[in-house]
């Protein structure tokens, strides 16, 4: 829903703004240009902007994958 999109944008501190609609009802969305790395537990692990090279992103993702340890189950077991 639009409310969920706004909440997600706010949670990740992403800028997003829909422009005016044209005669066909289409519009352009201005937004932050970021890629987020979220682990299987849903935790934000890194954020990559346009200045990061593909090699830097690949190294970062691999390092996070290699060091990933799942969160313990709820209840401490």
Protein backbone atom coordinates (compact mmCIF):
# COMPACT_ATOMS: atom_id res chain seq x y z
CA UNK A 1 0.00 0.00 0.00
CA UNK A 2 1.14 3.61 -0.30
CA UNK A 3 1.31 3.75 3.49
CA UNK A 4 3.63 0.72 3.59
CA UNK A 5 5.88 2.25 0.94
CA UNK A 6 6.10 5.49 2.94
CA UNK A 7 6.87 3.53 6.13
CA UNK A 8 9.62 1.51 4.41
CA UNK A 9 11.14 4.66 2.90
CA UNK A 10 11.13 6.33 6.31
CA UNK A 11 12.64 3.27 8.02
CA UNK A 12 15.54 3.22 5.54
CA UNK A 13 15.76 7.03 5.39
CA UNK A 14 15.20 6.98 1.65
CA UNK A 15 14.05 10.06 -0.20
CA UNK A 16 11.13 9.46 -2.56
CA UNK A 17 8.81 11.88 -4.31
CA UNK A 18 6.28 11.21 -7.06
CA UNK A 19 6.21 13.91 -9.70
CA UNK A 20 3.12 15.26 -11.41
CA UNK A 21 1.12 12.98 -13.70
CA UNK A 22 1.26 13.58 -17.42
CA UNK A 23 -1.67 13.42 -19.87
CA UNK A 24 -1.45 9.59 -19.90
CA UNK A 25 -1.50 9.38 -16.09
CA UNK A 26 2.16 8.36 -15.92
CA UNK A 27 4.62 9.98 -13.53
CA UNK A 28 8.29 9.96 -12.64
CA UNK A 29 9.45 9.07 -9.13
CA UNK A 30 12.50 10.89 -7.83
CA UNK A 31 14.29 8.80 -5.20
CA UNK A 32 17.56 8.00 -3.48
CA UNK A 33 19.87 5.76 -5.49
CA UNK A 34 20.95 3.16 -2.96
CA UNK A 35 21.16 -0.61 -2.71
CA UNK A 36 20.66 -2.15 0.70
CA UNK A 37 22.11 -5.46 1.87
CA UNK A 38 19.69 -7.15 4.26
CA UNK A 39 20.61 -10.46 5.87
CA UNK A 40 18.28 -13.49 6.16
CA UNK A 41 17.24 -12.27 9.63
CA UNK A 42 16.06 -8.97 8.14
CA UNK A 43 18.91 -6.89 9.57
CA UNK A 44 20.48 -4.14 7.50
CA UNK A 45 24.13 -5.06 6.92
CA UNK A 46 25.36 -2.48 4.41
CA UNK A 47 24.26 0.22 2.04
CA UNK A 48 25.80 0.96 -1.34
CA UNK A 49 25.63 4.25 -3.18
CA UNK A 50 26.47 5.04 -6.77
CA UNK A 51 30.12 5.70 -5.93
CA UNK A 52 30.76 2.04 -5.01
CA UNK A 53 32.19 -0.11 -7.77
CA UNK A 54 30.81 -3.54 -8.62
CA UNK A 55 33.99 -5.07 -7.22
CA UNK A 56 33.59 -3.21 -3.91
CA UNK A 57 29.98 -4.31 -3.59
CA UNK A 58 30.88 -7.91 -4.43
CA UNK A 59 33.67 -7.93 -1.81
CA UNK A 60 31.34 -6.48 0.80
CA UNK A 61 28.52 -8.93 0.06
CA UNK A 62 30.94 -11.88 0.13
CA UNK A 63 32.44 -10.70 3.43
CA UNK A 64 28.97 -10.39 4.98
CA UNK A 65 28.00 -13.83 3.66
CA UNK A 66 31.19 -15.39 5.00
CA UNK A 67 30.72 -13.88 8.46
CA UNK A 68 26.94 -14.38 8.74
CA UNK A 69 25.68 -16.16 11.82
CA UNK A 70 21.91 -16.51 12.28
CA UNK A 71 20.28 -14.88 15.26
CA UNK A 72 19.42 -17.29 18.05
CA UNK A 73 15.78 -18.42 18.06
CA UNK A 74 13.30 -16.34 20.03
CA UNK A 75 13.29 -17.43 23.67
CA UNK A 76 17.05 -17.90 23.87
CA UNK A 77 17.18 -21.50 22.68
